[in-house]
Protein backbone atom coordinates (compact mmCIF):
# COMPACT_ATOMS: atom_id res chain seq x y z
CA MET A 1 19.61 177.49 100.61
CA VAL A 2 23.37 177.20 100.45
CA GLY A 3 23.21 173.70 101.92
CA GLY A 4 20.66 172.68 99.31
CA GLN A 5 22.86 174.02 96.54
CA ALA A 6 25.84 172.10 97.91
CA LEU A 7 23.80 168.89 98.01
CA SER A 8 22.56 169.40 94.45
CA LEU A 9 26.15 170.00 93.31
CA ALA A 10 27.31 166.79 94.98
CA ALA A 11 24.42 164.84 93.47
CA ALA A 12 25.05 166.43 90.06
CA GLY A 13 28.56 164.98 89.96
CA ARG A 14 27.29 161.48 90.65
CA LEU A 15 24.47 161.90 88.14
CA ALA A 16 26.93 163.06 85.48
CA GLU A 17 29.00 159.94 85.98
CA ALA A 18 26.01 157.59 85.95
CA HIS A 19 23.61 159.19 83.44
CA GLY A 20 25.56 161.81 81.53
CA PRO A 21 25.70 165.59 81.62
CA SER A 22 22.07 166.13 80.62
CA ALA A 23 20.81 164.55 83.85
CA SER A 24 23.24 166.65 85.85
CA PHE A 25 22.09 169.82 84.07
CA ALA A 26 18.43 168.90 84.66
CA LEU A 27 19.11 168.55 88.38
CA ALA A 28 20.84 171.94 88.50
CA VAL A 29 17.97 173.60 86.64
CA GLY A 30 15.42 171.96 88.96
CA ALA A 31 17.29 173.22 92.02
CA ALA A 32 17.47 176.73 90.56
CA VAL A 33 13.72 176.71 89.86
CA LEU A 34 12.99 175.66 93.45
CA ILE A 35 15.22 178.44 94.82
CA LEU A 36 13.50 180.97 92.54
CA ALA A 37 10.07 179.82 93.71
CA LEU A 38 11.17 180.10 97.32
CA ALA A 39 12.57 183.59 96.76
CA LEU A 40 9.42 184.81 95.03
CA THR A 41 7.02 183.47 97.66
CA THR A 42 8.78 184.67 100.81
CA ARG A 43 8.63 188.20 102.15
CA ALA A 44 11.44 190.39 103.34
CA THR A 45 11.06 191.64 106.90
CA ASP A 46 13.37 194.63 106.50
CA ARG A 47 10.61 197.10 105.73
CA PRO A 48 10.89 200.62 107.09
CA ALA A 49 8.70 201.38 110.07
CA ALA A 50 5.65 203.54 109.58
CA VAL A 51 5.84 207.16 110.65
CA VAL A 52 4.47 207.49 114.17
CA ARG A 53 2.40 210.59 114.82
CA PRO A 54 1.01 211.60 118.20
CA ALA A 55 -2.70 211.08 118.71
CA ALA A 56 -4.96 214.09 119.04
CA GLY A 57 -4.60 215.56 122.49
CA ALA A 58 -1.28 213.81 123.27
CA PRO A 59 1.34 215.98 124.97
CA ALA A 60 4.13 217.33 122.76
CA GLY A 61 7.21 215.12 122.76
CA SER A 62 5.33 212.01 123.88
CA VAL A 63 6.22 210.09 120.72
CA ARG A 64 9.64 208.47 120.60
């Protein structure tokens, strides 16, 4: 994501020179929307583990 933001920043400078600040702003907004969509559609994997309980009949202390 950081690399994509750096590329959009570099392209925004060239767009501002060639087409004015509105084109540069539109590019920045488009990149932000794509990052937001990516963030909302991906899942975090840092979820806490479920509580492990011994099965019926398992010896005491057999669960780590």
